[in-house]
């Protein structure tokens, strides 16, 4: 059984751009959430909050990428 993904039928590649946009939005949302949680709720330092935001953003991007390619 095959799926017809957006952008593959007409060859424009719009489905690919949509995937990358969703991956970037997922990563940005996760990074913003963990930064705000660390910085203002848990009162962590700026450096620690940025490091956790970068880590969680990267993990979220990896997860979104793997889900987009399923």
N, C-alpha and C. Protein backbone atom coordinates (compact mmCIF):
# COMPACT_ATOMS: atom_id res chain seq x y z
N UNK A 1 0.84 -1.18 0.00
CA UNK A 1 0.00 0.00 0.00
C UNK A 1 0.89 1.24 0.00
N UNK A 2 0.64 2.16 -0.89
CA UNK A 2 1.44 3.37 -0.96
C UNK A 2 0.57 4.58 -0.66
N UNK A 3 1.23 5.60 -0.18
CA UNK A 3 0.53 6.85 0.10
C UNK A 3 0.91 7.88 -0.94
N UNK A 4 -0.02 8.76 -1.24
CA UNK A 4 0.24 9.85 -2.15
C UNK A 4 0.57 11.08 -1.31
N UNK A 5 1.83 11.40 -1.23
CA UNK A 5 2.25 12.54 -0.42
C UNK A 5 2.09 13.83 -1.22
N UNK A 6 1.82 14.91 -0.51
CA UNK A 6 1.66 16.22 -1.16
C UNK A 6 2.97 16.63 -1.79
N UNK A 7 2.91 17.12 -2.99
CA UNK A 7 4.11 17.59 -3.68
C UNK A 7 4.74 16.54 -4.57
N UNK A 8 4.42 15.26 -4.38
CA UNK A 8 5.01 14.24 -5.21
C UNK A 8 4.20 14.00 -6.48
N UNK A 9 2.92 14.28 -6.41
CA UNK A 9 2.06 14.01 -7.56
C UNK A 9 2.38 14.96 -8.72
N UNK A 10 2.57 16.23 -8.42
CA UNK A 10 2.81 17.19 -9.50
C UNK A 10 4.29 17.57 -9.64
N UNK A 11 5.14 17.10 -8.75
CA UNK A 11 6.57 17.34 -8.87
C UNK A 11 7.03 18.71 -8.45
N UNK A 12 6.19 19.49 -7.77
CA UNK A 12 6.59 20.85 -7.40
C UNK A 12 7.46 20.87 -6.16
N UNK A 13 7.38 19.85 -5.32
CA UNK A 13 8.18 19.82 -4.11
C UNK A 13 7.60 20.62 -2.97
N UNK A 14 6.35 21.04 -3.08
CA UNK A 14 5.74 21.82 -2.00
C UNK A 14 5.59 21.00 -0.73
N UNK A 15 5.39 19.70 -0.87
CA UNK A 15 5.29 18.83 0.31
C UNK A 15 6.58 18.79 1.10
N UNK A 16 7.70 18.85 0.40
CA UNK A 16 9.00 18.84 1.06
C UNK A 16 9.19 20.12 1.86
N UNK A 17 8.84 21.26 1.27
CA UNK A 17 8.98 22.53 1.98
C UNK A 17 8.05 22.59 3.19
N UNK A 18 6.87 22.01 3.06
CA UNK A 18 5.93 21.99 4.17
C UNK A 18 6.50 21.15 5.31
N UNK A 19 7.15 20.03 4.98
CA UNK A 19 7.76 19.20 6.02
C UNK A 19 8.86 19.96 6.76
N UNK A 20 9.73 20.64 6.03
CA UNK A 20 10.82 21.36 6.67
C UNK A 20 10.30 22.51 7.52
N UNK A 21 9.23 23.15 7.07
CA UNK A 21 8.63 24.22 7.87
C UNK A 21 8.05 23.66 9.16
N UNK A 22 7.38 22.53 9.08
CA UNK A 22 6.82 21.92 10.28
C UNK A 22 7.91 21.45 11.24
N UNK A 23 9.00 20.94 10.71
CA UNK A 23 10.11 20.51 11.55
C UNK A 23 10.71 21.72 12.27
N UNK A 24 10.91 22.82 11.54
CA UNK A 24 11.47 24.02 12.15
C UNK A 24 10.54 24.61 13.21
N UNK A 25 9.24 24.62 12.93
CA UNK A 25 8.29 25.13 13.92
C UNK A 25 8.24 24.25 15.16
N UNK A 26 8.33 22.95 14.97
CA UNK A 26 8.34 22.02 16.10
C UNK A 26 9.56 22.25 16.98
N UNK A 27 10.72 22.42 16.35
CA UNK A 27 11.95 22.66 17.08
C UNK A 27 11.91 24.00 17.82
N UNK A 28 11.41 25.03 17.15
CA UNK A 28 11.34 26.36 17.78
C UNK A 28 10.38 26.37 18.95
N UNK A 29 9.25 25.69 18.82
CA UNK A 29 8.28 25.65 19.91
C UNK A 29 8.84 24.91 21.12
N UNK A 30 9.51 23.79 20.87
CA UNK A 30 10.10 23.03 21.97
C UNK A 30 11.20 23.83 22.66
N UNK A 31 12.04 24.49 21.87
CA UNK A 31 13.13 25.29 22.44
C UNK A 31 12.59 26.46 23.25
N UNK A 32 11.58 27.14 22.73
CA UNK A 32 10.99 28.27 23.46
C UNK A 32 10.34 27.80 24.75
N UNK A 33 9.64 26.68 24.70
CA UNK A 33 8.98 26.16 25.90
C UNK A 33 10.00 25.83 26.98
N UNK A 34 11.04 25.08 26.63
CA UNK A 34 12.01 24.66 27.65
C UNK A 34 12.82 25.85 28.15
N UNK A 35 13.09 26.84 27.27
CA UNK A 35 13.80 28.03 27.72
C UNK A 35 12.99 28.79 28.75
N UNK A 36 11.71 29.03 28.45
CA UNK A 36 10.86 29.76 29.39
C UNK A 36 10.67 28.99 30.69
N UNK A 37 10.53 27.68 30.59
CA UNK A 37 10.39 26.86 31.80
C UNK A 37 11.64 26.93 32.66
N UNK A 38 12.80 26.76 32.06
CA UNK A 38 14.06 26.79 32.80
C UNK A 38 14.34 28.17 33.38
N UNK A 39 14.17 29.18 32.56
CA UNK A 39 14.59 30.52 32.95
C UNK A 39 13.68 31.16 33.99
N UNK A 40 12.37 31.06 33.78
CA UNK A 40 11.45 31.81 34.63
C UNK A 40 10.73 30.97 35.67
N UNK A 41 10.51 29.70 35.41
CA UNK A 41 9.83 28.86 36.40
C UNK A 41 10.84 28.23 37.34
N UNK A 42 11.93 27.70 36.79
CA UNK A 42 12.93 27.03 37.61
C UNK A 42 14.10 27.93 38.01
N UNK A 43 14.10 29.17 37.55
CA UNK A 43 15.11 30.17 37.89
C UNK A 43 16.54 29.70 37.60
N UNK A 44 16.74 29.08 36.44
CA UNK A 44 18.07 28.64 36.04
C UNK A 44 18.83 29.81 35.42
N UNK A 45 20.13 29.65 35.28
CA UNK A 45 20.94 30.71 34.69
C UNK A 45 20.64 30.80 33.19
N UNK A 46 21.04 31.92 32.59
CA UNK A 46 20.81 32.13 31.17
C UNK A 46 21.55 31.09 30.33
N UNK A 47 22.80 30.80 30.69
CA UNK A 47 23.60 29.84 29.94
C UNK A 47 22.98 28.45 29.99
N UNK A 48 22.55 28.05 31.17
CA UNK A 48 21.92 26.74 31.32
C UNK A 48 20.61 26.66 30.55
N UNK A 49 19.83 27.72 30.60
CA UNK A 49 18.55 27.74 29.89
C UNK A 49 18.76 27.65 28.38
N UNK A 50 19.74 28.36 27.87
CA UNK A 50 20.03 28.32 26.43
C UNK A 50 20.55 26.95 26.01
N UNK A 51 21.37 26.34 26.85
CA UNK A 51 21.89 25.01 26.54
C UNK A 51 20.77 23.98 26.49
N UNK A 52 19.86 24.03 27.47
CA UNK A 52 18.72 23.11 27.47
C UNK A 52 17.80 23.38 26.29
N UNK A 53 17.60 24.65 25.95
CA UNK A 53 16.75 24.99 24.81
C UNK A 53 17.34 24.45 23.52
N UNK A 54 18.64 24.57 23.35
CA UNK A 54 19.30 24.05 22.16
C UNK A 54 19.18 22.53 22.10
N UNK A 55 19.37 21.88 23.24
CA UNK A 55 19.27 20.42 23.30
C UNK A 55 17.86 19.93 22.98
N UNK A 56 16.87 20.52 23.64
CA UNK A 56 15.49 20.10 23.40
C UNK A 56 15.03 20.46 21.99
N UNK A 57 15.46 21.59 21.48
CA UNK A 57 15.11 21.96 20.12
C UNK A 57 15.68 20.98 19.11
N UNK A 58 16.92 20.57 19.31
CA UNK A 58 17.54 19.57 18.43
C UNK A 58 16.85 18.22 18.51
N UNK A 59 16.49 17.81 19.70
CA UNK A 59 15.77 16.54 19.86
C UNK A 59 14.39 16.62 19.22
N UNK A 60 13.72 17.74 19.39
CA UNK A 60 12.39 17.91 18.79
C UNK A 60 12.49 17.92 17.27
N UNK A 61 13.53 18.53 16.72
CA UNK A 61 13.71 18.54 15.27
C UNK A 61 13.98 17.13 14.76
N UNK A 62 14.79 16.37 15.48
CA UNK A 62 15.05 14.99 15.09
C UNK A 62 13.80 14.13 15.12
N UNK A 63 13.00 14.30 16.15
CA UNK A 63 11.75 13.56 16.26
C UNK A 63 10.76 13.95 15.15
N UNK A 64 10.65 15.24 14.89
CA UNK A 64 9.74 15.69 13.84
C UNK A 64 10.22 15.22 12.47
N UNK A 65 11.54 15.19 12.26
CA UNK A 65 12.08 14.70 11.00
C UNK A 65 11.78 13.22 10.79
N UNK A 66 11.96 12.43 11.86
CA UNK A 66 11.68 11.02 11.74
C UNK A 66 10.20 10.74 11.50
N UNK A 67 9.34 11.54 12.10
CA UNK A 67 7.90 11.37 11.89
C UNK A 67 7.49 11.84 10.49
N UNK A 68 8.14 12.85 9.97
CA UNK A 68 7.79 13.36 8.64
C UNK A 68 8.19 12.38 7.55
N UNK A 69 9.18 11.56 7.81
CA UNK A 69 9.66 10.61 6.81
C UNK A 69 9.10 9.21 7.00
N UNK A 70 8.09 9.05 7.79
CA UNK A 70 7.46 7.74 7.98
C UNK A 70 6.58 7.38 6.84
